[in-house]
Amino acid sequence: MAPSAGPIDLSGAAWRKSTRSSAQGQNCVEVAAGLPGIVAVRDSKHPAGPPLIVGPRNWTAFIRAVKAGSSPGPAQETTL
């Protein structure tokens, strides 16, 4: 998929909080579902702030690396 020419519409995003977020609401990360071809990540303390937008392959590689206890290497995907 080619990079977007303009702002990405996140109005249809269904944000969910990480299961690793603290009960007090600190250090929370939210991930958006329902966005074809992209994964959006944001800081739940600043929901109006800019989200991090990544491609699904990079997101999957990141999650696998975190679960394996290692740091992911540089991204191989160059387009969303």
N, C-alpha and C. Protein backbone atom coordinates (compact mmCIF):
# COMPACT_ATOMS: atom_id res chain seq x y z
N MET A 1 0.84 -1.17 0.00
CA MET A 1 0.00 0.00 0.00
C MET A 1 0.88 1.23 0.00
N ALA A 2 0.58 2.21 -0.78
CA ALA A 2 1.35 3.44 -0.87
C ALA A 2 1.05 4.34 0.32
N PRO A 3 2.00 5.17 0.74
CA PRO A 3 1.75 6.10 1.83
C PRO A 3 0.61 7.04 1.49
N SER A 4 -0.11 7.44 2.51
CA SER A 4 -1.24 8.34 2.34
C SER A 4 -0.76 9.72 1.91
N ALA A 5 -1.55 10.37 1.06
CA ALA A 5 -1.21 11.71 0.59
C ALA A 5 -1.64 12.78 1.58
N GLY A 6 -2.50 12.43 2.53
CA GLY A 6 -2.99 13.41 3.49
C GLY A 6 -3.13 12.79 4.87
N PRO A 7 -3.83 13.51 5.75
CA PRO A 7 -4.02 12.99 7.09
C PRO A 7 -4.79 11.66 7.07
N ILE A 8 -4.46 10.80 7.99
CA ILE A 8 -5.14 9.52 8.11
C ILE A 8 -6.38 9.70 8.98
N ASP A 9 -7.52 9.24 8.50
CA ASP A 9 -8.78 9.36 9.22
C ASP A 9 -8.84 8.27 10.29
N LEU A 10 -8.79 8.67 11.54
CA LEU A 10 -8.86 7.73 12.64
C LEU A 10 -10.21 7.76 13.34
N SER A 11 -11.20 8.40 12.72
CA SER A 11 -12.51 8.52 13.35
C SER A 11 -13.20 7.17 13.55
N GLY A 12 -12.89 6.18 12.73
CA GLY A 12 -13.48 4.86 12.86
C GLY A 12 -12.64 3.91 13.70
N ALA A 13 -11.59 4.41 14.31
CA ALA A 13 -10.69 3.55 15.10
C ALA A 13 -11.37 3.11 16.39
N ALA A 14 -11.20 1.85 16.71
CA ALA A 14 -11.66 1.30 17.99
C ALA A 14 -10.42 1.10 18.86
N TRP A 15 -10.15 2.06 19.74
CA TRP A 15 -8.94 2.03 20.56
C TRP A 15 -9.11 1.06 21.71
N ARG A 16 -8.06 0.28 22.00
CA ARG A 16 -8.07 -0.60 23.16
C ARG A 16 -6.76 -0.43 23.92
N LYS A 17 -6.87 -0.49 25.22
CA LYS A 17 -5.72 -0.28 26.09
C LYS A 17 -4.92 -1.57 26.21
N SER A 18 -3.63 -1.45 26.29
CA SER A 18 -2.75 -2.59 26.46
C SER A 18 -3.09 -3.34 27.75
N THR A 19 -3.01 -4.65 27.70
CA THR A 19 -3.25 -5.45 28.90
C THR A 19 -2.13 -5.26 29.92
N ARG A 20 -1.02 -4.69 29.50
CA ARG A 20 0.11 -4.43 30.40
C ARG A 20 0.05 -3.05 31.04
N SER A 21 -1.00 -2.28 30.75
CA SER A 21 -1.14 -0.95 31.33
C SER A 21 -1.43 -1.07 32.83
N SER A 22 -0.98 -0.09 33.59
CA SER A 22 -1.20 -0.13 35.03
C SER A 22 -2.65 0.19 35.37
N ALA A 23 -3.10 -0.31 36.50
CA ALA A 23 -4.49 -0.09 36.94
C ALA A 23 -4.74 1.38 37.27
N GLN A 24 -3.71 2.13 37.59
CA GLN A 24 -3.86 3.54 37.92
C GLN A 24 -3.94 4.42 36.68
N GLY A 25 -3.81 3.84 35.51
CA GLY A 25 -3.91 4.62 34.28
C GLY A 25 -2.62 5.25 33.83
N GLN A 26 -1.52 4.90 34.47
CA GLN A 26 -0.22 5.46 34.08
C GLN A 26 0.44 4.51 33.08
N ASN A 27 1.31 5.05 32.26
CA ASN A 27 2.08 4.25 31.31
C ASN A 27 1.18 3.39 30.41
N CYS A 28 0.13 3.98 29.91
CA CYS A 28 -0.82 3.24 29.09
C CYS A 28 -0.60 3.48 27.60
N VAL A 29 -0.67 2.39 26.88
CA VAL A 29 -0.58 2.44 25.43
C VAL A 29 -1.88 1.91 24.88
N GLU A 30 -2.42 2.57 23.86
CA GLU A 30 -3.63 2.11 23.20
C GLU A 30 -3.33 1.80 21.74
N VAL A 31 -3.96 0.77 21.24
CA VAL A 31 -3.81 0.35 19.86
C VAL A 31 -5.18 0.41 19.20
N ALA A 32 -5.22 0.90 17.96
CA ALA A 32 -6.49 1.01 17.25
C ALA A 32 -6.72 -0.18 16.33
N ALA A 33 -7.92 -0.68 16.38
CA ALA A 33 -8.35 -1.74 15.47
C ALA A 33 -9.31 -1.11 14.45
N GLY A 34 -9.56 -1.83 13.38
CA GLY A 34 -10.52 -1.37 12.39
C GLY A 34 -9.97 -0.37 11.39
N LEU A 35 -8.67 -0.34 11.22
CA LEU A 35 -8.04 0.57 10.28
C LEU A 35 -7.36 -0.27 9.19
N PRO A 36 -7.96 -0.37 8.02
CA PRO A 36 -7.39 -1.23 6.98
C PRO A 36 -5.98 -0.82 6.57
N GLY A 37 -5.05 -1.77 6.65
CA GLY A 37 -3.70 -1.56 6.16
C GLY A 37 -2.75 -0.84 7.08
N ILE A 38 -3.22 -0.39 8.26
CA ILE A 38 -2.33 0.31 9.19
C ILE A 38 -2.65 -0.12 10.62
N VAL A 39 -1.71 0.15 11.50
CA VAL A 39 -1.91 -0.01 12.94
C VAL A 39 -1.56 1.33 13.57
N ALA A 40 -2.45 1.86 14.38
CA ALA A 40 -2.21 3.13 15.06
C ALA A 40 -2.01 2.87 16.54
N VAL A 41 -1.03 3.54 17.13
CA VAL A 41 -0.69 3.39 18.54
C VAL A 41 -0.63 4.79 19.14
N ARG A 42 -1.17 4.94 20.36
CA ARG A 42 -1.13 6.26 21.00
C ARG A 42 -0.94 6.12 22.50
N ASP A 43 -0.56 7.22 23.11
CA ASP A 43 -0.43 7.32 24.57
C ASP A 43 -1.81 7.66 25.10
N SER A 44 -2.37 6.82 25.96
CA SER A 44 -3.74 7.05 26.44
C SER A 44 -3.85 8.31 27.30
N LYS A 45 -2.74 8.79 27.85
CA LYS A 45 -2.77 10.02 28.62
C LYS A 45 -2.91 11.25 27.72
N HIS A 46 -2.62 11.07 26.43
CA HIS A 46 -2.69 12.17 25.46
C HIS A 46 -3.42 11.70 24.19
N PRO A 47 -4.71 11.34 24.30
CA PRO A 47 -5.41 10.77 23.15
C PRO A 47 -5.53 11.71 21.95
N ALA A 48 -5.44 13.00 22.18
CA ALA A 48 -5.52 13.94 21.07
C ALA A 48 -4.16 14.16 20.41
N GLY A 49 -3.11 13.62 21.02
CA GLY A 49 -1.77 13.78 20.48
C GLY A 49 -1.59 12.92 19.23
N PRO A 50 -0.48 13.08 18.56
CA PRO A 50 -0.25 12.34 17.32
C PRO A 50 -0.04 10.84 17.60
N PRO A 51 -0.71 10.00 16.84
CA PRO A 51 -0.48 8.56 16.99
C PRO A 51 0.74 8.13 16.19
N LEU A 52 1.27 7.00 16.56
CA LEU A 52 2.32 6.35 15.78
C LEU A 52 1.60 5.44 14.80
N ILE A 53 1.87 5.58 13.51
CA ILE A 53 1.24 4.76 12.48
C ILE A 53 2.30 3.83 11.89
N VAL A 54 2.01 2.53 11.92
CA VAL A 54 2.93 1.55 11.36
C VAL A 54 2.16 0.58 10.47
N GLY A 55 2.90 -0.11 9.64
CA GLY A 55 2.30 -1.13 8.80
C GLY A 55 2.08 -2.41 9.59
N PRO A 56 1.16 -3.25 9.16
CA PRO A 56 0.86 -4.47 9.90
C PRO A 56 2.05 -5.42 10.05
N ARG A 57 2.91 -5.51 9.05
CA ARG A 57 4.08 -6.40 9.17
C ARG A 57 5.03 -5.93 10.25
N ASN A 58 5.27 -4.64 10.32
CA ASN A 58 6.15 -4.10 11.36
C ASN A 58 5.53 -4.29 12.74
N TRP A 59 4.23 -4.11 12.84
CA TRP A 59 3.55 -4.28 14.13
C TRP A 59 3.66 -5.74 14.59
N THR A 60 3.42 -6.66 13.69
CA THR A 60 3.52 -8.08 14.02
C THR A 60 4.94 -8.44 14.46
N ALA A 61 5.93 -7.92 13.75
CA ALA A 61 7.33 -8.19 14.11
C ALA A 61 7.65 -7.60 15.49
N PHE A 62 7.15 -6.42 15.76
CA PHE A 62 7.37 -5.78 17.06
C PHE A 62 6.76 -6.61 18.19
N ILE A 63 5.51 -7.04 18.02
CA ILE A 63 4.82 -7.83 19.05
C ILE A 63 5.55 -9.15 19.28
N ARG A 64 5.96 -9.81 18.21
CA ARG A 64 6.71 -11.07 18.35
C ARG A 64 8.00 -10.85 19.13
N ALA A 65 8.71 -9.78 18.81
CA ALA A 65 9.98 -9.49 19.50
C ALA A 65 9.75 -9.19 20.97
N VAL A 66 8.71 -8.45 21.29
CA VAL A 66 8.41 -8.14 22.69
C VAL A 66 8.06 -9.41 23.45
N LYS A 67 7.23 -10.25 22.85
CA LYS A 67 6.86 -11.50 23.51
C LYS A 67 8.06 -12.42 23.70
N ALA A 68 9.01 -12.35 22.79
CA ALA A 68 10.21 -13.18 22.88
C ALA A 68 11.25 -12.58 23.83
N GLY A 69 11.00 -11.36 24.29
CA GLY A 69 11.92 -10.71 25.22
C GLY A 69 13.12 -10.07 24.56
N SER A 70 13.01 -9.79 23.26
CA SER A 70 14.13 -9.15 22.57
C SER A 70 13.70 -7.82 21.97
N SER A 71 14.69 -7.06 21.57
CA SER A 71 14.41 -5.80 20.90
C SER A 71 14.29 -6.04 19.41
N PRO A 72 13.25 -5.48 18.78
CA PRO A 72 13.16 -5.62 17.33
C PRO A 72 14.26 -4.83 16.65
N GLY A 73 14.72 -5.32 15.53
CA GLY A 73 15.73 -4.62 14.76
C GLY A 73 15.11 -3.51 13.94
N PRO A 74 15.88 -2.92 13.05
CA PRO A 74 15.36 -1.86 12.21
C PRO A 74 14.23 -2.38 11.31
N ALA A 75 13.30 -1.51 11.04
CA ALA A 75 12.14 -1.88 10.23
C ALA A 75 12.56 -2.25 8.81
N GLN A 76 11.96 -3.29 8.29
CA GLN A 76 12.21 -3.70 6.93
C GLN A 76 11.14 -3.16 5.99
N GLU A 77 10.02 -2.80 6.52
CA GLU A 77 8.90 -2.30 5.72
C GLU A 77 9.09 -0.80 5.50
N THR A 78 9.03 -0.36 4.27
CA THR A 78 9.27 1.05 3.99
C THR A 78 8.00 1.81 3.63
N THR A 79 6.93 1.11 3.36
CA THR A 79 5.67 1.78 3.07
C THR A 79 4.58 1.19 3.93
N LEU A 80 3.53 1.95 4.11
CA LEU A 80 2.40 1.45 4.87
C LEU A 80 1.59 0.64 3.93
